[in-house]
C-alpha atoms as a PDB file:
ATOM      1  CA  UNK A   1      18.861 -33.446   0.951  1.00  0.00           C
ATOM      2  CA  UNK A   2      18.274 -36.042   3.684  1.00  0.00           C
ATOM      3  CA  UNK A   3      16.165 -34.717   6.490  1.00  0.00           C
ATOM      4  CA  UNK A   4      18.681 -35.495   8.931  1.00  0.00           C
ATOM      5  CA  UNK A   5      21.290 -33.493   7.152  1.00  0.00           C
ATOM      6  CA  UNK A   6      19.401 -30.434   7.412  1.00  0.00           C
ATOM      7  CA  UNK A   7      20.154 -27.629   9.814  1.00  0.00           C
ATOM      8  CA  UNK A   8      17.034 -25.453  10.020  1.00  0.00           C
ATOM      9  CA  UNK A   9      17.689 -21.651   9.897  1.00  0.00           C
ATOM     10  CA  UNK A  10      16.256 -19.459  12.823  1.00  0.00           C
ATOM     11  CA  UNK A  11      17.313 -15.992  11.528  1.00  0.00           C
ATOM     12  CA  UNK A  12      17.904 -14.338   8.201  1.00  0.00           C
ATOM     13  CA  UNK A  13      20.539 -11.586   6.930  1.00  0.00           C
ATOM     14  CA  UNK A  14      18.811  -8.605   5.429  1.00  0.00           C
ATOM     15  CA  UNK A  15      21.103  -7.188   2.759  1.00  0.00           C
ATOM     16  CA  UNK A  16      19.271  -4.013   2.084  1.00  0.00           C
ATOM     17  CA  UNK A  17      19.540  -2.051  -1.035  1.00  0.00           C
ATOM     18  CA  UNK A  18      23.407  -1.666  -1.103  1.00  0.00           C
ATOM     19  CA  UNK A  19      26.899  -2.845   1.130  1.00  0.00           C
ATOM     20  CA  UNK A  20      28.694   0.310  -0.290  1.00  0.00           C
ATOM     21  CA  UNK A  21      29.252   2.526   3.142  1.00  0.00           C
ATOM     22  CA  UNK A  22      29.200   5.468   0.642  1.00  0.00           C
ATOM     23  CA  UNK A  23      25.629   4.993  -0.636  1.00  0.00           C
ATOM     24  CA  UNK A  24      24.341   3.745   3.094  1.00  0.00           C
ATOM     25  CA  UNK A  25      24.809   7.045   4.435  1.00  0.00           C
ATOM     26  CA  UNK A  26      23.177   8.576   1.303  1.00  0.00           C
ATOM     27  CA  UNK A  27      20.341   6.027   1.274  1.00  0.00           C
ATOM     28  CA  UNK A  28      19.599   6.553   5.139  1.00  0.00           C
ATOM     29  CA  UNK A  29      19.323  10.332   4.837  1.00  0.00           C
ATOM     30  CA  UNK A  30      17.022  10.034   1.759  1.00  0.00           C
ATOM     31  CA  UNK A  31      14.520   7.180   3.290  1.00  0.00           C
ATOM     32  CA  UNK A  32      14.525   8.975   6.917  1.00  0.00           C
ATOM     33  CA  UNK A  33      13.548  12.390   5.033  1.00  0.00           C
ATOM     34  CA  UNK A  34      10.646  10.299   2.929  1.00  0.00           C
ATOM     35  CA  UNK A  35       9.786   8.480   6.146  1.00  0.00           C
ATOM     36  CA  UNK A  36       9.221  11.705   7.939  1.00  0.00           C
ATOM     37  CA  UNK A  37       7.331  13.046   4.967  1.00  0.00           C
ATOM     38  CA  UNK A  38       5.288  10.334   4.833  1.00  0.00           C
ATOM     39  CA  UNK A  39       4.065  10.109   8.479  1.00  0.00           C
ATOM     40  CA  UNK A  40       3.810  14.067   8.896  1.00  0.00           C
ATOM     41  CA  UNK A  41       1.896  14.510   5.651  1.00  0.00           C
ATOM     42  CA  UNK A  42      -0.596  11.447   5.998  1.00  0.00           C
ATOM     43  CA  UNK A  43      -1.132  12.622   9.652  1.00  0.00           C
ATOM     44  CA  UNK A  44      -1.763  16.253   8.542  1.00  0.00           C
ATOM     45  CA  UNK A  45      -4.559  15.012   5.993  1.00  0.00           C
ATOM     46  CA  UNK A  46      -6.144  12.810   8.838  1.00  0.00           C
ATOM     47  CA  UNK A  47      -6.403  15.641  11.077  1.00  0.00           C
ATOM     48  CA  UNK A  48      -7.430  18.124   8.530  1.00  0.00           C
ATOM     49  CA  UNK A  49     -10.283  15.804   7.724  1.00  0.00           C
ATOM     50  CA  UNK A  50     -11.162  15.271  11.106  1.00  0.00           C
ATOM     51  CA  UNK A  51     -11.433  18.807  12.010  1.00  0.00           C
ATOM     52  CA  UNK A  52     -13.409  19.988   9.190  1.00  0.00           C
ATOM     53  CA  UNK A  53     -16.928  19.025   9.243  1.00  0.00           C
ATOM     54  CA  UNK A  54     -17.251  20.067   5.455  1.00  0.00           C
ATOM     55  CA  UNK A  55     -15.063  16.832   4.858  1.00  0.00           C
ATOM     56  CA  UNK A  56     -17.151  14.366   6.645  1.00  0.00           C
ATOM     57  CA  UNK A  57     -18.023  12.672   3.500  1.00  0.00           C
ATOM     58  CA  UNK A  58     -17.487   9.333   2.351  1.00  0.00           C
ATOM     59  CA  UNK A  59     -14.746  10.195  -0.103  1.00  0.00           C
ATOM     60  CA  UNK A  60     -12.743  11.898   2.629  1.00  0.00           C
ATOM     61  CA  UNK A  61     -13.711   9.079   5.005  1.00  0.00           C
ATOM     62  CA  UNK A  62     -11.760   6.648   2.856  1.00  0.00           C
ATOM     63  CA  UNK A  63      -8.916   9.022   2.227  1.00  0.00           C
ATOM     64  CA  UNK A  64      -8.430   9.314   5.710  1.00  0.00           C
ATOM     65  CA  UNK A  65      -8.113   5.744   6.021  1.00  0.00           C
ATOM     66  CA  UNK A  66      -6.071   5.438   3.053  1.00  0.00           C
ATOM     67  CA  UNK A  67      -3.872   7.787   4.885  1.00  0.00           C
ATOM     68  CA  UNK A  68      -3.700   5.941   8.159  1.00  0.00           C
ATOM     69  CA  UNK A  69      -2.938   2.484   6.002  1.00  0.00           C
ATOM     70  CA  UNK A  70      -0.200   4.320   4.307  1.00  0.00           C
ATOM     71  CA  UNK A  71       1.349   5.398   7.629  1.00  0.00           C
ATOM     72  CA  UNK A  72       0.978   1.809   8.820  1.00  0.00           C
ATOM     73  CA  UNK A  73       2.580   0.555   5.537  1.00  0.00           C
ATOM     74  CA  UNK A  74       5.830   2.660   5.675  1.00  0.00           C
ATOM     75  CA  UNK A  75       6.180   1.745   9.606  1.00  0.00           C
ATOM     76  CA  UNK A  76       6.175  -1.887   8.804  1.00  0.00           C
ATOM     77  CA  UNK A  77       9.327  -1.353   6.534  1.00  0.00           C
ATOM     78  CA  UNK A  78      11.082   1.962   6.882  1.00  0.00           C
ATOM     79  CA  UNK A  79      12.270   1.758  10.613  1.00  0.00           C
ATOM     80  CA  UNK A  80      13.389  -1.735  10.180  1.00  0.00           C
ATOM     81  CA  UNK A  81      15.418  -0.645   7.010  1.00  0.00           C
ATOM     82  CA  UNK A  82      16.834   2.230   8.656  1.00  0.00           C
ATOM     83  CA  UNK A  83      17.973   0.366  11.755  1.00  0.00           C
ATOM     84  CA  UNK A  84      19.438  -2.168   9.458  1.00  0.00           C
ATOM     85  CA  UNK A  85      21.649   0.257   7.527  1.00  0.00           C
ATOM     86  CA  UNK A  86      22.938   1.704  10.972  1.00  0.00           C
ATOM     87  CA  UNK A  87      23.634  -1.772  12.293  1.00  0.00           C
ATOM     88  CA  UNK A  88      26.511  -4.057  11.312  1.00  0.00           C
ATOM     89  CA  UNK A  89      24.754  -7.454  12.247  1.00  0.00           C
ATOM     90  CA  UNK A  90      21.784  -7.611   9.442  1.00  0.00           C
ATOM     91  CA  UNK A  91      20.303 -10.495  11.142  1.00  0.00           C
ATOM     92  CA  UNK A  92      16.761 -10.679  11.594  1.00  0.00           C
ATOM     93  CA  UNK A  93      15.062 -13.569  13.601  1.00  0.00           C
ATOM     94  CA  UNK A  94      12.760 -15.912  11.536  1.00  0.00           C
ATOM     95  CA  UNK A  95       9.597 -14.828  13.756  1.00  0.00           C
ATOM     96  CA  UNK A  96      10.301 -11.282  13.117  1.00  0.00           C
ATOM     97  CA  UNK A  97      10.417 -11.696   9.294  1.00  0.00           C
ATOM     98  CA  UNK A  98       7.216 -13.721   9.340  1.00  0.00           C
ATOM     99  CA  UNK A  99       5.559 -10.417  11.560  1.00  0.00           C
ATOM    100  CA  UNK A 100       6.927  -8.126   8.859  1.00  0.00           C
ATOM    101  CA  UNK A 101       5.863 -10.175   6.031  1.00  0.00           C
ATOM    102  CA  UNK A 102       2.200 -10.434   7.602  1.00  0.00           C
ATOM    103  CA  UNK A 103       1.552  -6.822   8.170  1.00  0.00           C
ATOM    104  CA  UNK A 104       3.208  -5.630   4.802  1.00  0.00           C
ATOM    105  CA  UNK A 105       0.756  -7.855   3.262  1.00  0.00           C
ATOM    106  CA  UNK A 106      -2.173  -6.807   5.147  1.00  0.00           C
ATOM    107  CA  UNK A 107      -1.486  -3.288   4.422  1.00  0.00           C
ATOM    108  CA  UNK A 108      -0.808  -3.812   0.702  1.00  0.00           C
ATOM    109  CA  UNK A 109      -4.189  -5.434   0.270  1.00  0.00           C
ATOM    110  CA  UNK A 110      -5.904  -3.119   2.504  1.00  0.00           C
ATOM    111  CA  UNK A 111      -4.766  -0.190   0.363  1.00  0.00           C
ATOM    112  CA  UNK A 112      -5.835  -1.920  -2.690  1.00  0.00           C
ATOM    113  CA  UNK A 113      -9.594  -2.396  -1.322  1.00  0.00           C
ATOM    114  CA  UNK A 114      -9.633   1.112  -0.030  1.00  0.00           C
ATOM    115  CA  UNK A 115      -8.742   2.330  -3.897  1.00  0.00           C
ATOM    116  CA  UNK A 116     -11.689   0.253  -5.132  1.00  0.00           C
ATOM    117  CA  UNK A 117     -14.018   1.526  -2.381  1.00  0.00           C
ATOM    118  CA  UNK A 118     -13.019   5.288  -3.356  1.00  0.00           C
ATOM    119  CA  UNK A 119     -13.776   4.354  -7.167  1.00  0.00           C
ATOM    120  CA  UNK A 120     -17.110   2.957  -5.898  1.00  0.00           C
ATOM    121  CA  UNK A 121     -17.699   6.612  -4.364  1.00  0.00           C
ATOM    122  CA  UNK A 122     -16.866   8.298  -7.567  1.00  0.00           C
ATOM    123  CA  UNK A 123     -19.133   6.040  -9.401  1.00  0.00           C
ATOM    124  CA  UNK A 124     -22.312   6.498  -7.472  1.00  0.00           C
ATOM    125  CA  UNK A 125     -21.358  10.346  -7.118  1.00  0.00           C
ATOM    126  CA  UNK A 126     -21.136  10.731 -10.548  1.00  0.00           C
ATOM    127  CA  UNK A 127     -23.542   8.071 -12.252  1.00  0.00           C
ATOM    128  CA  UNK A 128     -25.992   8.108  -9.541  1.00  0.00           C
ATOM    129  CA  UNK A 129     -25.949  11.294  -7.902  1.00  0.00           C
ATOM    130  CA  UNK A 130     -29.644  11.071  -6.381  1.00  0.00           C
ATOM    131  CA  UNK A 131     -28.793   7.812  -4.735  1.00  0.00           C
ATOM    132  CA  UNK A 132     -25.390   8.838  -3.285  1.00  0.00           C
ATOM    133  CA  UNK A 133     -26.834   9.719   0.195  1.00  0.00           C
ATOM    134  CA  UNK A 134     -28.347   6.566   0.820  1.00  0.00           C
ATOM    135  CA  UNK A 135     -25.883   4.173  -0.999  1.00  0.00           C
ATOM    136  CA  UNK A 136     -22.811   5.773   0.610  1.00  0.00           C
ATOM    137  CA  UNK A 137     -24.417   5.825   3.945  1.00  0.00           C
ATOM    138  CA  UNK A 138     -21.803   6.117   6.954  1.00  0.00           C
ATOM    139  CA  UNK A 139     -22.986   2.569   8.101  1.00  0.00           C
ATOM    140  CA  UNK A 140     -22.054   1.211   4.568  1.00  0.00           C
ATOM    141  CA  UNK A 141     -18.959   3.288   4.375  1.00  0.00           C
ATOM    142  CA  UNK A 142     -17.735   1.791   7.792  1.00  0.00           C
ATOM    143  CA  UNK A 143     -18.527  -1.601   6.717  1.00  0.00           C
ATOM    144  CA  UNK A 144     -16.328  -1.518   3.603  1.00  0.00           C
ATOM    145  CA  UNK A 145     -13.518  -0.350   5.662  1.00  0.00           C
ATOM    146  CA  UNK A 146     -13.774  -2.925   8.087  1.00  0.00           C
ATOM    147  CA  UNK A 147     -14.380  -5.849   5.154  1.00  0.00           C
ATOM    148  CA  UNK A 148     -11.326  -4.569   3.828  1.00  0.00           C
ATOM    149  CA  UNK A 149      -9.121  -4.868   6.631  1.00  0.00           C
ATOM    150  CA  UNK A 150     -10.770  -8.441   7.393  1.00  0.00           C
ATOM    151  CA  UNK A 151     -10.202  -9.843   3.923  1.00  0.00           C
ATOM    152  CA  UNK A 152      -6.586  -8.294   4.057  1.00  0.00           C
ATOM    153  CA  UNK A 153      -5.647 -10.061   7.525  1.00  0.00           C
ATOM    154  CA  UNK A 154      -7.291 -13.338   6.546  1.00  0.00           C
ATOM    155  CA  UNK A 155      -5.392 -13.194   2.865  1.00  0.00           C
ATOM    156  CA  UNK A 156      -2.066 -12.250   4.858  1.00  0.00           C
ATOM    157  CA  UNK A 157      -2.720 -14.873   7.455  1.00  0.00           C
ATOM    158  CA  UNK A 158      -3.048 -17.721   5.046  1.00  0.00           C
ATOM    159  CA  UNK A 159       0.191 -16.641   3.233  1.00  0.00           C
ATOM    160  CA  UNK A 160       2.043 -16.388   6.558  1.00  0.00           C
ATOM    161  CA  UNK A 161       0.778 -19.786   7.955  1.00  0.00           C
ATOM    162  CA  UNK A 162       1.900 -21.463   4.707  1.00  0.00           C
ATOM    163  CA  UNK A 163       5.465 -19.890   4.888  1.00  0.00           C
ATOM    164  CA  UNK A 164       5.834 -20.733   8.713  1.00  0.00           C
ATOM    165  CA  UNK A 165       5.574 -24.667   7.517  1.00  0.00           C
ATOM    166  CA  UNK A 166       8.086 -24.207   5.180  1.00  0.00           C
ATOM    167  CA  UNK A 167      11.931 -25.515   6.172  1.00  0.00           C
ATOM    168  CA  UNK A 168      14.640 -23.239   5.447  1.00  0.00           C
ATOM    169  CA  UNK A 169      18.172 -25.062   5.383  1.00  0.00           C
ATOM    170  CA  UNK A 170      20.372 -23.296   2.969  1.00  0.00           C
ATOM    171  CA  UNK A 171      21.272 -19.845   2.480  1.00  0.00           C
ATOM    172  CA  UNK A 172      19.915 -17.620   4.718  1.00  0.00           C
ATOM    173  CA  UNK A 173      20.921 -14.305   2.910  1.00  0.00           C
ATOM    174  CA  UNK A 174      17.629 -12.139   1.899  1.00  0.00           C
ATOM    175  CA  UNK A 175      18.842  -9.954  -1.052  1.00  0.00           C
ATOM    176  CA  UNK A 176      16.003  -7.197  -0.164  1.00  0.00           C
ATOM    177  CA  UNK A 177      15.445  -4.419   2.362  1.00  0.00           C
ATOM    178  CA  UNK A 178      12.529  -6.259   3.847  1.00  0.00           C
ATOM    179  CA  UNK A 179      10.906  -9.672   4.355  1.00  0.00           C
ATOM    180  CA  UNK A 180       8.766 -10.092   1.183  1.00  0.00           C
ATOM    181  CA  UNK A 181       7.077 -13.268  -0.034  1.00  0.00           C
ATOM    182  CA  UNK A 182       9.135 -13.938  -2.947  1.00  0.00           C
ATOM    183  CA  UNK A 183      12.753 -13.457  -1.591  1.00  0.00           C
ATOM    184  CA  UNK A 184      11.570 -15.806   1.360  1.00  0.00           C
ATOM    185  CA  UNK A 185      10.196 -18.541  -1.184  1.00  0.00           C
ATOM    186  CA  UNK A 186      13.643 -18.546  -3.190  1.00  0.00           C
ATOM    187  CA  UNK A 187      15.395 -19.336   0.184  1.00  0.00           C
ATOM    188  CA  UNK A 188      13.107 -22.374   1.283  1.00  0.00           C
ATOM    189  CA  UNK A 189      14.486 -26.049   0.708  1.00  0.00           C
ATOM    190  CA  UNK A 190      10.851 -27.412   0.923  1.00  0.00           C
ATOM    191  CA  UNK A 191       8.336 -27.767  -1.838  1.00  0.00           C
ATOM    192  CA  UNK A 192       7.086 -24.151  -2.371  1.00  0.00           C
ATOM    193  CA  UNK A 193       4.603 -25.327  -5.093  1.00  0.00           C
ATOM    194  CA  UNK A 194       1.557 -24.721  -3.012  1.00  0.00           C
ATOM    195  CA  UNK A 195       2.833 -21.392  -1.713  1.00  0.00           C
ATOM    196  CA  UNK A 196       3.567 -20.170  -5.278  1.00  0.00           C
ATOM    197  CA  UNK A 197       0.097 -21.391  -6.413  1.00  0.00           C
ATOM    198  CA  UNK A 198      -1.792 -19.359  -3.984  1.00  0.00           C
ATOM    199  CA  UNK A 199       0.470 -16.414  -4.438  1.00  0.00           C
ATOM    200  CA  UNK A 200      -0.269 -16.482  -8.120  1.00  0.00           C
ATOM    201  CA  UNK A 201      -4.128 -17.515  -7.782  1.00  0.00           C
ATOM    202  CA  UNK A 202      -5.488 -16.028  -4.722  1.00  0.00           C
ATOM    203  CA  UNK A 203      -2.955 -13.299  -4.584  1.00  0.00           C
ATOM    204  CA  UNK A 204      -3.722 -12.312  -8.194  1.00  0.00           C
ATOM    205  CA  UNK A 205      -7.536 -12.455  -7.177  1.00  0.00           C
ATOM    206  CA  UNK A 206      -7.467  -9.967  -4.243  1.00  0.00           C
ATOM    207  CA  UNK A 207      -5.186  -7.753  -6.154  1.00  0.00           C
ATOM    208  CA  UNK A 208      -6.689  -7.914  -9.521  1.00  0.00           C
ATOM    209  CA  UNK A 209     -10.444  -8.046  -8.145  1.00  0.00           C
ATOM    210  CA  UNK A 210     -10.330  -4.166  -7.106  1.00  0.00           C
ATOM    211  CA  UNK A 211      -8.483  -3.421  -9.787  1.00  0.00           C
ATOM    212  CA  UNK A 212     -10.968  -4.524 -12.282  1.00  0.00           C
ATOM    213  CA  UNK A 213     -13.822  -3.128 -10.426  1.00  0.00           C
ATOM    214  CA  UNK A 214     -11.968   0.251 -10.766  1.00  0.00           C
ATOM    215  CA  UNK A 215     -11.353   0.050 -14.295  1.00  0.00           C
ATOM    216  CA  UNK A 216     -15.003  -0.908 -14.662  1.00  0.00           C
ATOM    217  CA  UNK A 217     -16.154   1.885 -12.553  1.00  0.00           C
ATOM    218  CA  UNK A 218     -14.314   4.533 -14.429  1.00  0.00           C
ATOM    219  CA  UNK A 219     -15.765   3.117 -17.605  1.00  0.00           C
ATOM    220  CA  UNK A 220     -19.222   3.851 -16.479  1.00  0.00           C
ATOM    221  CA  UNK A 221     -18.046   7.123 -15.166  1.00  0.00           C
ATOM    222  CA  UNK A 222     -16.240   8.329 -18.436  1.00  0.00           C
ATOM    223  CA  UNK A 223     -19.465   7.242 -20.180  1.00  0.00           C
ATOM    224  CA  UNK A 224     -21.448   9.808 -17.912  1.00  0.00           C
ATOM    225  CA  UNK A 225     -19.111  12.448 -18.190  1.00  0.00           C
ATOM    226  CA  UNK A 226     -19.113  12.669 -21.838  1.00  0.00           C
ATOM    227  CA  UNK A 227     -22.866  12.998 -21.836  1.00  0.00           C
ATOM    228  CA  UNK A 228     -22.102  16.372 -20.252  1.00  0.00           C
ATOM    229  CA  UNK A 229     -22.929  19.086 -22.665  1.00  0.00           C
ATOM    230  CA  UNK A 230     -20.251  21.525 -21.862  1.00  0.00           C
ATOM    231  CA  UNK A 231     -16.289  20.962 -22.047  1.00  0.00           C
ATOM    232  CA  UNK A 232     -16.017  23.039 -18.867  1.00  0.00           C
ATOM    233  CA  UNK A 233     -18.655  20.850 -17.063  1.00  0.00           C
ATOM    234  CA  UNK A 234     -16.908  17.514 -18.448  1.00  0.00           C
ATOM    235  CA  UNK A 235     -13.833  18.951 -16.765  1.00  0.00           C
ATOM    236  CA  UNK A 236     -15.360  19.880 -13.651  1.00  0.00           C
ATOM    237  CA  UNK A 237     -17.047  16.432 -13.203  1.00  0.00           C
ATOM    238  CA  UNK A 238     -13.819  14.538 -14.040  1.00  0.00           C
ATOM    239  CA  UNK A 239     -11.283  16.426 -11.969  1.00  0.00           C
ATOM    240  CA  UNK A 240     -12.952  15.097  -8.874  1.00  0.00           C
ATOM    241  CA  UNK A 241     -11.095  11.640 -10.177  1.00  0.00           C
ATOM    242  CA  UNK A 242      -7.782  13.044 -11.050  1.00  0.00           C
ATOM    243  CA  UNK A 243      -6.001  12.431  -7.861  1.00  0.00           C
ATOM    244  CA  UNK A 244      -7.807   8.955  -7.528  1.00  0.00           C
ATOM    245  CA  UNK A 245      -6.693   8.146 -10.794  1.00  0.00           C
ATOM    246  CA  UNK A 246      -3.159   8.950 -10.412  1.00  0.00           C
ATOM    247  CA  UNK A 247      -2.879   7.070  -7.180  1.00  0.00           C
ATOM    248  CA  UNK A 248      -4.180   3.925  -8.642  1.00  0.00           C
ATOM    249  CA  UNK A 249      -2.026   4.211 -11.630  1.00  0.00           C
ATOM    250  CA  UNK A 250       1.083   4.514  -9.572  1.00  0.00           C
ATOM    251  CA  UNK A 251       0.240   1.491  -6.878  1.00  0.00           C
ATOM    252  CA  UNK A 252      -1.192  -1.019  -9.423  1.00  0.00           C
ATOM    253  CA  UNK A 253       1.443  -0.119 -12.105  1.00  0.00           C
ATOM    254  CA  UNK A 254       4.236  -1.238  -9.722  1.00  0.00           C
ATOM    255  CA  UNK A 255       2.174  -3.848  -7.557  1.00  0.00           C
ATOM    256  CA  UNK A 256       1.186  -6.037 -10.725  1.00  0.00           C
ATOM    257  CA  UNK A 257       4.653  -5.653 -12.380  1.00  0.00           C
ATOM    258  CA  UNK A 258       6.061  -7.484  -9.111  1.00  0.00           C
ATOM    259  CA  UNK A 259       3.639 -10.049  -7.918  1.00  0.00           C
ATOM    260  CA  UNK A 260       1.223 -10.921 -10.704  1.00  0.00           C
ATOM    261  CA  UNK A 261       3.727 -13.252 -12.558  1.00  0.00           C
ATOM    262  CA  UNK A 262       5.507 -16.609 -12.052  1.00  0.00           C
ATOM    263  CA  UNK A 263       8.256 -16.511  -9.605  1.00  0.00           C
ATOM    264  CA  UNK A 264      10.543 -18.082 -12.325  1.00  0.00           C
ATOM    265  CA  UNK A 265      11.060 -14.119 -13.650  1.00  0.00           C
ATOM    266  CA  UNK A 266      11.858 -12.795 -10.303  1.00  0.00           C
ATOM    267  CA  UNK A 267      14.690 -10.174 -10.561  1.00  0.00           C
ATOM    268  CA  UNK A 268      16.463  -9.147  -7.235  1.00  0.00           C
ATOM    269  CA  UNK A 269      17.541  -5.592  -8.427  1.00  0.00           C
ATOM    270  CA  UNK A 270      14.669  -4.856 -10.470  1.00  0.00           C
ATOM    271  CA  UNK A 271      12.111  -5.677  -8.167  1.00  0.00           C
ATOM    272  CA  UNK A 272      13.787  -3.808  -5.140  1.00  0.00           C
ATOM    273  CA  UNK A 273      13.816  -0.610  -7.044  1.00  0.00           C
ATOM    274  CA  UNK A 274      10.032  -1.032  -7.797  1.00  0.00           C
ATOM    275  CA  UNK A 275       9.353  -2.382  -4.483  1.00  0.00           C
ATOM    276  CA  UNK A 276      10.597   0.934  -3.102  1.00  0.00           C
ATOM    277  CA  UNK A 277       8.381   2.925  -5.356  1.00  0.00           C
ATOM    278  CA  UNK A 278       5.193   1.384  -3.937  1.00  0.00           C
ATOM    279  CA  UNK A 279       6.127   1.243  -0.367  1.00  0.00           C
ATOM    280  CA  UNK A 280       7.925   4.219   0.397  1.00  0.00           C
ATOM    281  CA  UNK A 281       7.403   6.860  -2.534  1.00  0.00           C
ATOM    282  CA  UNK A 282       3.917   6.322  -3.395  1.00  0.00           C
ATOM    283  CA  UNK A 283       2.623   6.396   0.276  1.00  0.00           C
ATOM    284  CA  UNK A 284       4.793   9.728   0.895  1.00  0.00           C
ATOM    285  CA  UNK A 285       3.387  11.210  -2.488  1.00  0.00           C
ATOM    286  CA  UNK A 286      -0.421  10.509  -1.653  1.00  0.00           C
ATOM    287  CA  UNK A 287      -0.832  13.604   0.587  1.00  0.00           C
ATOM    288  CA  UNK A 288       0.703  15.758  -2.259  1.00  0.00           C
ATOM    289  CA  UNK A 289      -1.552  14.147  -4.882  1.00  0.00           C
ATOM    290  CA  UNK A 290      -4.777  14.566  -2.904  1.00  0.00           C
ATOM    291  CA  UNK A 291      -3.993  17.944  -1.659  1.00  0.00           C
ATOM    292  CA  UNK A 292      -2.361  19.959  -4.420  1.00  0.00           C
ATOM    293  CA  UNK A 293      -5.247  19.680  -6.876  1.00  0.00           C
ATOM    294  CA  UNK A 294      -8.028  19.729  -4.122  1.00  0.00           C
ATOM    295  CA  UNK A 295      -9.554  22.785  -2.970  1.00  0.00           C
ATOM    296  CA  UNK A 296     -11.443  21.293  -0.164  1.00  0.00           C
ATOM    297  CA  UNK A 297      -8.272  19.807   1.377  1.00  0.00           C
ATOM    298  CA  UNK A 298      -6.338  23.076   1.103  1.00  0.00           C
ATOM    299  CA  UNK A 299      -9.128  24.875   2.375  1.00  0.00           C
ATOM    300  CA  UNK A 300      -8.968  22.181   5.414  1.00  0.00           C
ATOM    301  CA  UNK A 301      -5.310  22.636   5.650  1.00  0.00           C
ATOM    302  CA  UNK A 302      -5.549  26.616   6.169  1.00  0.00           C
ATOM    303  CA  UNK A 303      -8.303  26.195   8.811  1.00  0.00           C
ATOM    304  CA  UNK A 304      -5.896  23.680  10.573  1.00  0.00           C
ATOM    305  CA  UNK A 305      -2.997  26.005  10.347  1.00  0.00           C
ATOM    306  CA  UNK A 306      -4.893  28.893  11.490  1.00  0.00           C
ATOM    307  CA  UNK A 307      -6.203  26.980  14.668  1.00  0.00           C
ATOM    308  CA  UNK A 308      -2.877  26.161  15.380  1.00  0.00           C
ATOM    309  CA  UNK A 309      -1.696  29.845  15.295  1.00  0.00           C
ATOM    310  CA  UNK A 310      -4.421  30.829  17.185  1.00  0.00           C
ATOM    311  CA  UNK A 311      -3.950  28.258  19.903  1.00  0.00           C
ATOM    312  CA  UNK A 312      -0.450  29.582  20.409  1.00  0.00           C
END
């Protein structure tokens, strides 16, 4: 298309999950409920960990940070989606779209690195318990969290800058409920080969490196657990990893199926459903996954409840 004939788009239309008014009401109520459960559940986990000194350990330090990221993750997407459902105009300015994409990618990658840090914590606790205090010192744990945020922001900034240099001169309809990388790339009339190459190589690296680290950690953890003589002892040791493994399986199972593949295989309907799972459902489930089978968290929640009742 000649350059002179191009009319550059300054805003997009976010179609959301459906245009059917009947479904809109049901979806609004469902996502509002999940949003409230997510924010309140993760906030309670953070408060319980902060108030109970017995939970001031590396594992729960990472868990509280994960809960904070999950709150940010959902706040980046759900409020905008709910407002979009109530509004007749589905328009989103290009700058707002880029901002949402930036913070979405940042939260997603930070989640990934925090899960890897939690795997490292379990590896050291089970495989090298005598060195646990020195290896997982408060300073080192803080540095791991800071590094997770810094790397995530740099990764997201790279994607956002490359996206901002693209031209959008054709259709402006995004068949999604938020501004994700792939839906935006499909609308660009510029050469997106650099963006796609970066998403598939560097993007795969920042997602798969923590995942491979987690897998390797659990291989060593499994070997150490199998050396425990009694079956009850093996269960007790490995049970401390159950919640983390569940979250890892849910998060990476959905994220990899969406992002670690060529853009030519992009499917609007399939990817929207999978994206709902790891952006809304999993962050909502995390507080339940980590509290239902965790005696320490349950006890901390009881203490927090008693303290609130006493203050009344």
